Amino acid sequence: MSNSGETRRWPWSATWPLFVLTLVSVSNYLDRSLLGLALPAIKRELGSSDTVLGLVSGLAFILFYSLLGIPIAWAADRTNRRNIIAAGLAFWSLMTACTGLIGGIWQLAVVRLLMGAGEACGTAPSNSLIADRFPAERRPLALALFGTASPLAFILFFPLAGWIAQTYGWRAMFIAMGLPGLLLALLVIFTVREPERTVPPPARLPIARSLATDLRALFANRCFTWIFAGVTLMGANIWASGAWVPSFFMRVHHLSVGDVANIIGPTRGFIGLLGILIGGVLIDRLPKERIAWRVGLPAIACLLAGPAEALFLLGNSHSAWLGGFALSSFFMLIHQAPIYAAVVNIVGERRRALATAVILLGASLIGDAAGPTAVGVLNDLLAPRFGDEAIRYSMLIVAVTPVFAGLCFLRAATLYAAAAGVGPERSGART
């Protein structure tokens, strides 16, 4: 990989597509997170248990999101990614609005399934498209900027969503937050250009055979395998937090839905944004001889997130739990941009979307299905003894998983230099 000034220069022509794709990702994170804010009201209205709500918020969404993400990413590696992103955005935005019209828990589950199908068109094709527009040296910073979508969603729109829910009801919140995505889909179509491929398409094979070949090649890479394990564990942390933190605040600290949105929005938003940007800038400045730290720094951030989560959950004073929440917000998303950048750097250009989708499969199907559901089950099991305080202990899952994720990333860091140093452009091993 060249270290010339040309490869270090920021490609300004790629800035607008990066901005628009970040807006798409903001919509992605916001729409999937709204259910966590509405869960207490939905429970009162529909009379569902925490276990059922955990399954709906986790498994129902993630089944289509993660499983369809694999063939969609395979197609994105071979066709027009911009069109896939725009179509998915329009569909998941429509499903978000339809969530406000559901009449029962089964209808909610169906809408979440369909929303997951739409959102499967977002992250993996976007990561691949961004990777094509930025040189390898600038990808960590570019993907860090793209990764600000989650905190921006909390900063810009989560308080607004909470205000709408408290003022007009949770149904109005879903409708108001979903419909603008249809206009954003048009912006993608008319202003984002699909970049030309620099690597010719792979030989034509039956889809199942081609997909199986690509998947075997990915998991033959030990660095990729350890990254997959770490991201899966962090997925359990992030998704469980997203689904149950609002309920934790309401049950343990007796806050209103508006108060919860006003705490989560700025804290997860501004502090999470700060963590992502600081992590991205630090990694962008690493010299080539410290390349292992591109994965090592995210590992350290995950190791520090565990104690921060424990302080948030077990702290009784306002300063203790709010400080823990702020620290966990700072550390919990630092890993995403450099890990995604590492993934696209160690796989072939024609496998970038697929590799990202596989990573999302671990974070989503395993992490999202297991995390929120496990917390919901433990809530119901511990409630007879601890009452509303049960959620304080069931959510300790989110304090354990980052520590194990950090250990996986540390192992990947020891393999990353070799994996990145024999990229597909220089070796046929992973083409």
Protein backbone atom coordinates (compact mmCIF):
# COMPACT_ATOMS: atom_id res chain seq x y z
CA MET A 1 0.00 0.00 0.00
CA SER A 2 1.41 3.34 -1.05
CA ASN A 3 2.09 6.04 1.51
CA SER A 4 2.37 8.77 -1.12
CA GLY A 5 0.77 12.17 -0.70
CA GLU A 6 -1.80 11.12 -3.30
CA THR A 7 -3.14 8.30 -1.14
CA ARG A 8 -3.13 10.51 1.99
CA ARG A 9 -5.03 13.33 0.32
CA TRP A 10 -8.71 13.67 1.19
CA PRO A 11 -10.86 12.99 -1.93
CA TRP A 12 -13.19 16.00 -1.76
CA SER A 13 -15.32 14.72 -4.63
CA ALA A 14 -16.41 11.91 -2.31
CA THR A 15 -17.57 14.26 0.46
CA TRP A 16 -21.15 14.78 -0.78
CA PRO A 17 -21.83 11.05 -1.29
CA LEU A 18 -20.40 10.42 2.19
CA PHE A 19 -22.71 13.11 3.62
CA VAL A 20 -25.82 11.71 1.93
CA LEU A 21 -25.01 8.13 2.91
CA THR A 22 -24.51 9.30 6.48
CA LEU A 23 -28.00 10.83 6.42
CA VAL A 24 -29.33 7.49 5.18
CA SER A 25 -27.59 5.78 8.09
CA VAL A 26 -29.07 8.34 10.50
CA SER A 27 -32.51 7.28 9.28
CA ASN A 28 -31.48 3.63 9.63
CA TYR A 29 -30.42 3.96 13.28
CA LEU A 30 -33.28 6.26 14.25
CA ASP A 31 -36.06 4.13 12.81
CA ARG A 32 -34.85 0.92 14.42
CA SER A 33 -34.34 2.65 17.81
CA LEU A 34 -37.81 4.18 18.09
CA LEU A 35 -39.34 0.95 19.35
CA GLY A 36 -37.19 1.03 22.48
CA LEU A 37 -38.60 4.46 23.31
CA ALA A 38 -42.15 3.24 22.73
CA LEU A 39 -41.91 -0.16 24.49
CA PRO A 40 -43.40 0.96 27.85
CA ALA A 41 -46.43 2.55 26.14
CA ILE A 42 -46.87 -0.43 23.81
CA LYS A 43 -46.71 -2.79 26.80
CA ARG A 44 -49.47 -0.84 28.55
CA GLU A 45 -51.63 -0.73 25.43
CA LEU A 46 -51.11 -4.27 24.13
CA GLY A 47 -50.52 -6.03 27.46
CA SER A 48 -47.47 -8.02 26.33
CA SER A 49 -44.80 -9.52 28.58
CA ASP A 50 -41.18 -8.37 28.55
CA THR A 51 -40.17 -11.66 26.94
CA VAL A 52 -42.53 -11.10 24.00
CA LEU A 53 -41.46 -7.48 23.65
CA GLY A 54 -37.82 -8.57 23.71
CA LEU A 55 -38.50 -11.05 20.91
CA VAL A 56 -40.34 -8.44 18.84
CA SER A 57 -37.73 -5.73 19.35
CA GLY A 58 -34.85 -8.12 18.71
CA LEU A 59 -35.65 -11.32 16.84
CA ALA A 60 -38.54 -10.09 14.68
CA PHE A 61 -36.49 -7.22 13.27
CA ILE A 62 -33.21 -9.01 12.97
CA LEU A 63 -34.32 -12.16 11.18
CA PHE A 64 -34.85 -10.40 7.88
CA TYR A 65 -32.23 -7.70 8.53
CA SER A 66 -29.37 -10.13 8.97
CA LEU A 67 -30.40 -13.07 6.79
CA LEU A 68 -31.45 -11.00 3.79
CA GLY A 69 -28.36 -8.84 4.29
CA ILE A 70 -26.15 -11.64 2.92
CA PRO A 71 -27.76 -12.07 -0.54
CA ILE A 72 -28.40 -8.32 -0.79
CA ALA A 73 -24.71 -7.63 -0.12
CA TRP A 74 -23.71 -10.34 -2.61
CA ALA A 75 -25.84 -8.53 -5.20
CA ALA A 76 -24.40 -5.15 -4.16
CA ASP A 77 -20.89 -6.44 -4.89
CA ARG A 78 -22.05 -7.09 -8.46
CA THR A 79 -24.71 -4.46 -9.26
CA ASN A 80 -25.65 -0.82 -8.57
CA ARG A 81 -25.29 -0.18 -4.84
CA ARG A 82 -26.85 3.28 -4.99
CA ASN A 83 -30.15 1.91 -6.28
CA ILE A 84 -30.19 -0.83 -3.65
CA ILE A 85 -29.65 1.72 -0.87
CA ALA A 86 -32.38 4.06 -2.15
CA ALA A 87 -34.95 1.28 -2.58
CA GLY A 88 -34.25 -0.11 0.87
CA LEU A 89 -34.47 3.35 2.46
CA ALA A 90 -37.87 4.03 0.92
CA PHE A 91 -39.20 0.65 2.05
CA TRP A 92 -37.96 0.75 5.66
CA SER A 93 -39.20 4.34 6.04
CA LEU A 94 -42.65 3.25 4.90
CA MET A 95 -42.58 0.37 7.39
CA THR A 96 -41.56 2.76 10.17
CA ALA A 97 -44.62 4.89 9.44
CA CYS A 98 -46.81 1.77 9.31
CA THR A 99 -45.66 0.85 12.84
CA GLY A 100 -47.89 3.68 14.03
CA LEU A 101 -50.91 1.92 12.53
CA ILE A 102 -50.53 -1.55 14.08
CA GLY A 103 -53.39 -3.03 16.09
CA GLY A 104 -51.73 -5.94 17.88
CA ILE A 105 -48.44 -7.59 18.79
CA TRP A 106 -48.45 -9.86 15.71
CA GLN A 107 -48.89 -6.90 13.40
CA LEU A 108 -46.00 -5.21 15.17
CA ALA A 109 -43.86 -8.32 14.62
CA VAL A 110 -44.70 -8.37 10.88
CA VAL A 111 -43.88 -4.70 10.46
CA ARG A 112 -40.57 -5.18 12.28
CA LEU A 113 -39.73 -8.10 9.99
CA LEU A 114 -40.39 -6.00 6.90
CA MET A 115 -38.50 -3.03 8.33
CA GLY A 116 -35.53 -5.33 8.83
CA ALA A 117 -35.72 -6.41 5.20
CA GLY A 118 -35.50 -2.78 4.08
CA GLU A 119 -32.69 -1.85 6.45
CA ALA A 120 -30.64 -4.80 5.16
CA CYS A 121 -30.09 -2.66 2.04
CA GLY A 122 -28.32 0.10 3.97
CA THR A 123 -25.09 -0.47 5.86
CA ALA A 124 -23.23 -3.10 3.83
CA PRO A 125 -23.73 -1.48 0.38
CA SER A 126 -22.91 1.93 1.90
CA ASN A 127 -19.66 0.66 3.42
CA SER A 128 -18.66 -0.87 0.10
CA LEU A 129 -19.49 2.29 -1.83
CA ILE A 130 -17.54 4.48 0.61
CA ALA A 131 -14.56 2.11 0.48
CA ASP A 132 -14.47 2.52 -3.31
CA ARG A 133 -14.35 6.31 -3.01
CA PHE A 134 -11.59 6.58 -0.38
CA PRO A 135 -8.03 5.21 -0.37
CA ALA A 136 -7.23 2.64 2.31
CA GLU A 137 -5.31 5.19 4.41
CA ARG A 138 -8.37 7.45 4.70
CA ARG A 139 -11.04 4.81 5.16
CA PRO A 140 -10.92 4.75 8.99
CA LEU A 141 -11.69 8.50 9.11
CA ALA A 142 -14.26 8.30 6.31
CA LEU A 143 -16.05 5.42 8.02
CA ALA A 144 -15.76 7.22 11.38
CA LEU A 145 -17.63 10.15 9.85
CA PHE A 146 -20.15 7.68 8.44
CA GLY A 147 -20.32 6.11 11.90
CA THR A 148 -21.47 9.40 13.43
CA ALA A 149 -24.93 8.52 12.10
CA SER A 150 -25.96 6.74 15.29
CA PRO A 151 -25.10 9.59 17.70
CA LEU A 152 -26.47 12.15 15.23
CA ALA A 153 -29.76 10.27 15.25
CA PHE A 154 -29.86 10.59 19.03
CA ILE A 155 -28.77 14.25 19.02
CA LEU A 156 -30.99 15.57 16.26
CA PHE A 157 -34.09 13.41 16.30
CA PHE A 158 -34.41 11.29 19.45
CA PRO A 159 -35.50 14.24 21.66
CA LEU A 160 -37.95 15.29 18.93
CA ALA A 161 -39.29 11.75 18.74
CA GLY A 162 -39.70 11.68 22.53
CA TRP A 163 -41.55 15.00 22.49
CA ILE A 164 -43.92 13.77 19.77
CA ALA A 165 -44.54 10.53 21.68
CA GLN A 166 -45.25 12.35 24.93
CA THR A 167 -47.41 15.04 23.29
CA TYR A 168 -49.24 13.15 20.54
CA GLY A 169 -48.64 9.47 21.38
CA TRP A 170 -46.26 6.77 20.25
CA ARG A 171 -48.18 6.11 17.03
CA ALA A 172 -47.72 9.68 15.82
CA MET A 173 -44.00 9.38 16.60
CA PHE A 174 -43.51 6.48 14.18
CA ILE A 175 -45.44 8.19 11.40
CA ALA A 176 -43.62 11.50 11.81
CA MET A 177 -40.19 9.88 11.88
CA GLY A 178 -40.80 7.46 9.01
CA LEU A 179 -42.24 9.57 6.18
CA PRO A 180 -39.23 11.92 5.65
CA GLY A 181 -37.17 8.90 4.59
CA LEU A 182 -39.15 8.74 1.34
CA LEU A 183 -37.81 12.18 0.36
CA LEU A 184 -34.29 11.21 1.38
CA ALA A 185 -34.50 8.20 -0.97
CA LEU A 186 -35.06 10.60 -3.88
CA LEU A 187 -32.01 12.61 -2.81
CA VAL A 188 -29.91 9.44 -3.00
CA ILE A 189 -31.17 8.58 -6.48
CA PHE A 190 -30.60 12.03 -7.96
CA THR A 191 -27.35 13.13 -6.27
CA VAL A 192 -25.22 10.03 -5.52
CA ARG A 193 -23.36 8.40 -8.39
CA GLU A 194 -22.35 4.75 -8.43
CA PRO A 195 -18.52 4.70 -8.77
CA GLU A 196 -16.87 2.65 -11.46
CA ARG A 197 -15.48 -0.71 -10.37
CA THR A 198 -11.72 -1.11 -10.59
CA VAL A 199 -11.80 -4.91 -10.39
CA PRO A 200 -13.67 -6.97 -13.01
CA PRO A 201 -16.65 -9.02 -11.83
CA PRO A 202 -15.93 -12.59 -10.72
CA ALA A 203 -16.64 -15.55 -12.94
CA ARG A 204 -20.32 -16.31 -13.33
CA LEU A 205 -21.32 -19.21 -11.10
CA PRO A 206 -24.67 -20.36 -9.72
CA ILE A 207 -25.64 -17.96 -6.95
CA ALA A 208 -25.58 -20.53 -4.15
CA ARG A 209 -22.19 -21.89 -5.23
CA SER A 210 -20.69 -18.42 -5.65
CA LEU A 211 -22.01 -17.28 -2.27
CA ALA A 212 -20.71 -20.40 -0.52
CA THR A 213 -17.28 -19.91 -2.11
CA ASP A 214 -17.12 -16.29 -0.96
CA LEU A 215 -18.21 -17.16 2.58
CA ARG A 216 -15.59 -19.90 2.89
CA ALA A 217 -12.93 -17.46 1.73
CA LEU A 218 -13.94 -14.92 4.36
CA PHE A 219 -13.81 -17.33 7.29
CA ALA A 220 -10.55 -18.83 6.08
CA ASN A 221 -9.08 -15.48 7.13
CA ARG A 222 -8.36 -15.81 10.87
CA CYS A 223 -8.26 -12.06 11.39
CA PHE A 224 -11.75 -11.77 9.90
CA THR A 225 -12.98 -14.62 12.11
CA TRP A 226 -11.80 -12.94 15.34
CA ILE A 227 -13.29 -9.64 14.20
CA PHE A 228 -16.57 -11.45 13.55
CA ALA A 229 -16.56 -12.84 17.10
CA GLY A 230 -15.82 -9.44 18.64
CA VAL A 231 -18.47 -7.60 16.64
CA THR A 232 -21.03 -10.27 17.57
CA LEU A 233 -20.39 -9.67 21.27
CA MET A 234 -20.58 -5.90 20.83
CA GLY A 235 -23.81 -6.38 18.91
CA ALA A 236 -25.36 -8.00 21.98
CA ASN A 237 -24.25 -4.97 24.01
CA ILE A 238 -25.49 -2.31 21.61
CA TRP A 239 -28.83 -3.88 20.73
CA ALA A 240 -29.71 -4.81 24.31
CA SER A 241 -28.89 -1.27 25.41
CA GLY A 242 -30.96 0.24 22.62
CA ALA A 243 -33.97 -1.90 23.44
CA TRP A 244 -33.93 -1.72 27.25
CA VAL A 245 -32.14 1.45 28.43
CA PRO A 246 -35.35 3.54 28.11
CA SER A 247 -37.24 0.99 30.22
CA PHE A 248 -34.34 0.91 32.70
CA PHE A 249 -34.60 4.67 33.21
CA MET A 250 -38.36 4.53 33.63
CA ARG A 251 -38.43 1.55 36.01
CA VAL A 252 -35.34 2.22 38.14
CA HIS A 253 -35.14 6.01 38.10
CA HIS A 254 -38.84 6.71 37.44
CA LEU A 255 -38.32 9.10 34.54
CA SER A 256 -40.94 10.08 31.96
CA VAL A 257 -40.59 9.22 28.29
CA GLY A 258 -39.71 12.85 27.55
CA ASP A 259 -37.03 12.90 30.26
CA VAL A 260 -35.59 9.63 28.95
CA ALA A 261 -35.35 10.98 25.40
CA ASN A 262 -33.69 14.16 26.67
CA ILE A 263 -31.05 12.13 28.55
CA ILE A 264 -30.39 9.48 25.91
CA GLY A 265 -30.36 11.93 23.01
CA PRO A 266 -27.59 14.30 24.16
CA THR A 267 -25.58 11.67 26.07
CA ARG A 268 -25.59 8.88 23.50
CA GLY A 269 -25.48 11.57 20.83
CA PHE A 270 -22.86 14.19 21.71
CA ILE A 271 -20.62 11.95 23.80
CA GLY A 272 -20.93 9.02 21.41
CA LEU A 273 -20.14 11.36 18.53
CA LEU A 274 -17.08 12.63 20.38
CA GLY A 275 -15.84 9.08 20.94
CA ILE A 276 -16.31 8.09 17.29
CA LEU A 277 -14.53 11.19 15.98
CA ILE A 278 -11.63 11.01 18.45
CA GLY A 279 -11.18 7.34 17.65
CA GLY A 280 -11.34 7.99 13.91
CA VAL A 281 -8.84 10.84 14.01
CA LEU A 282 -6.38 8.91 16.21
CA ILE A 283 -6.47 5.88 13.96
CA ASP A 284 -6.24 8.03 10.82
CA ARG A 285 -2.99 9.50 12.20
CA LEU A 286 -1.34 6.17 12.98
CA PRO A 287 1.87 5.56 11.03
CA LYS A 288 2.08 2.50 8.80
CA GLU A 289 4.41 0.67 11.20
CA ARG A 290 1.69 0.86 13.92
CA ILE A 291 -0.97 -0.68 11.69
CA ALA A 292 -1.97 -3.28 14.31
CA TRP A 293 -3.24 -0.43 16.49
CA ARG A 294 -5.99 0.18 13.92
CA VAL A 295 -7.65 -2.80 15.60
CA GLY A 296 -5.87 -2.55 18.96
CA LEU A 297 -7.33 0.86 19.88
CA PRO A 298 -10.92 -0.33 19.34
CA ALA A 299 -10.09 -3.34 21.51
CA ILE A 300 -9.03 -1.09 24.39
CA ALA A 301 -12.20 0.99 24.01
CA CYS A 302 -14.33 -2.15 24.34
CA LEU A 303 -12.43 -3.30 27.43
CA LEU A 304 -13.10 0.08 29.06
CA ALA A 305 -16.78 0.03 28.10
CA GLY A 306 -17.50 -2.93 30.38
CA PRO A 307 -16.75 -1.23 33.72
CA ALA A 308 -18.52 1.92 32.50
CA GLU A 309 -21.69 -0.09 31.82
CA ALA A 310 -21.49 -1.68 35.28
CA LEU A 311 -21.22 1.75 36.91
CA PHE A 312 -24.25 2.96 34.94
CA LEU A 313 -26.39 -0.02 35.90
CA LEU A 314 -25.40 -0.38 39.55
CA GLY A 315 -24.79 3.25 40.49
CA ASN A 316 -27.41 4.65 42.85
CA SER A 317 -26.48 8.32 42.96
CA HIS A 318 -27.37 10.56 40.04
CA SER A 319 -23.72 11.43 39.40
CA ALA A 320 -22.68 7.75 39.44
CA TRP A 321 -25.21 6.34 36.97
CA LEU A 322 -25.11 9.39 34.70
CA GLY A 323 -21.29 9.31 34.70
CA GLY A 324 -21.33 5.60 33.86
CA PHE A 325 -23.84 6.22 31.08
CA ALA A 326 -21.68 8.99 29.64
CA LEU A 327 -18.52 6.85 29.73
CA SER A 328 -20.24 3.87 28.14
CA SER A 329 -21.63 6.18 25.44
CA PHE A 330 -18.09 7.39 24.72
CA PHE A 331 -16.52 3.93 24.45
CA MET A 332 -19.25 1.72 22.98
CA LEU A 333 -19.11 2.89 19.32
CA ILE A 334 -15.40 3.69 18.92
CA HIS A 335 -14.80 0.22 17.49
CA GLN A 336 -17.24 0.38 14.59
CA ALA A 337 -15.51 2.61 12.03
CA PRO A 338 -11.98 1.16 12.39
CA ILE A 339 -13.32 -2.39 12.47
CA TYR A 340 -15.34 -1.87 9.28
CA ALA A 341 -12.31 -0.21 7.69
CA ALA A 342 -10.15 -3.16 8.75
CA VAL A 343 -12.64 -5.59 7.22
CA VAL A 344 -12.73 -3.90 3.80
CA ASN A 345 -8.91 -3.71 3.86
CA ILE A 346 -8.41 -7.47 4.33
CA VAL A 347 -10.92 -8.76 1.77
CA GLY A 348 -11.15 -8.42 -2.00
CA GLU A 349 -12.90 -5.42 -3.54
CA ARG A 350 -15.65 -7.68 -4.87
CA ARG A 351 -16.33 -9.04 -1.37
CA ARG A 352 -16.52 -5.78 0.60
CA ALA A 353 -20.30 -5.55 0.86
CA LEU A 354 -20.57 -9.27 1.60
CA ALA A 355 -17.88 -9.09 4.31
CA THR A 356 -19.68 -6.17 5.95
CA ALA A 357 -23.00 -8.03 5.76
CA VAL A 358 -21.44 -11.08 7.42
CA ILE A 359 -20.10 -8.87 10.20
CA LEU A 360 -23.58 -7.38 10.57
CA LEU A 361 -25.02 -10.90 10.65
CA GLY A 362 -22.99 -11.63 13.75
CA ALA A 363 -23.79 -8.30 15.39
CA SER A 364 -27.44 -8.56 14.43
CA LEU A 365 -28.81 -12.09 14.17
CA ILE A 366 -26.75 -13.35 17.09
CA GLY A 367 -26.13 -10.12 18.99
CA ASP A 368 -29.50 -8.45 18.52
CA ALA A 369 -31.56 -11.59 18.87
CA ALA A 370 -29.64 -12.77 21.93
CA GLY A 371 -29.10 -9.44 23.69
CA PRO A 372 -32.60 -7.92 23.97
CA THR A 373 -34.25 -11.32 24.29
CA ALA A 374 -31.92 -12.43 27.10
CA VAL A 375 -32.58 -9.23 29.02
CA GLY A 376 -36.34 -9.66 28.55
CA VAL A 377 -36.29 -13.27 29.77
CA LEU A 378 -34.15 -12.38 32.79
CA ASN A 379 -36.48 -9.48 33.59
CA ASP A 380 -39.43 -11.84 33.82
CA LEU A 381 -37.44 -14.40 35.86
CA LEU A 382 -36.08 -11.85 38.34
CA ALA A 383 -39.19 -9.66 38.63
CA PRO A 384 -40.88 -11.77 41.37
CA ARG A 385 -37.88 -11.15 43.62
CA PHE A 386 -36.66 -7.68 42.60
CA GLY A 387 -39.72 -6.03 41.03
CA ASP A 388 -38.81 -3.04 38.85
CA GLU A 389 -35.20 -3.38 40.02
CA ALA A 390 -34.88 -6.68 38.10
CA ILE A 391 -33.85 -4.86 34.95
CA ARG A 392 -30.83 -3.45 36.79
CA TYR A 393 -29.39 -6.97 37.13
CA SER A 394 -30.59 -8.52 33.88
CA MET A 395 -28.88 -5.74 31.94
CA LEU A 396 -25.49 -6.64 33.42
CA ILE A 397 -25.19 -8.63 30.18
CA VAL A 398 -24.19 -5.34 28.53
CA ALA A 399 -21.30 -4.96 31.01
CA VAL A 400 -19.83 -8.41 30.29
CA THR A 401 -20.02 -8.60 26.52
CA PRO A 402 -17.70 -5.61 25.75
CA VAL A 403 -14.89 -7.16 27.78
CA PHE A 404 -14.97 -10.40 25.80
CA ALA A 405 -15.31 -8.40 22.57
CA GLY A 406 -12.18 -6.45 23.46
CA LEU A 407 -10.24 -9.68 23.94
CA CYS A 408 -11.35 -10.89 20.50
CA PHE A 409 -10.25 -7.63 18.89
CA LEU A 410 -6.87 -7.84 20.64
CA ARG A 411 -6.35 -11.23 19.04
CA ALA A 412 -7.41 -9.84 15.65
CA ALA A 413 -4.93 -6.99 16.08
CA THR A 414 -2.05 -9.47 16.25
CA LEU A 415 -3.13 -10.86 12.86
CA TYR A 416 -4.18 -7.64 11.12
CA ALA A 417 -0.80 -6.46 9.83
CA ALA A 418 -0.21 -9.71 7.98
CA ALA A 419 -3.78 -9.85 6.68
CA ALA A 420 -3.71 -6.25 5.42
CA GLY A 421 -0.20 -6.63 4.06
CA VAL A 422 -1.21 -9.34 1.59
CA GLY A 423 -4.39 -7.72 0.26
CA PRO A 424 -6.21 -9.05 -2.75
CA GLU A 425 -4.51 -6.60 -5.11
CA ARG A 426 -1.17 -8.25 -4.32
CA SER A 427 -2.13 -11.86 -3.82
CA GLY A 428 -4.62 -14.25 -5.32
CA ALA A 429 -5.30 -15.88 -1.98
CA ARG A 430 -8.35 -13.77 -1.19
CA THR A 431 -9.56 -12.70 -4.60
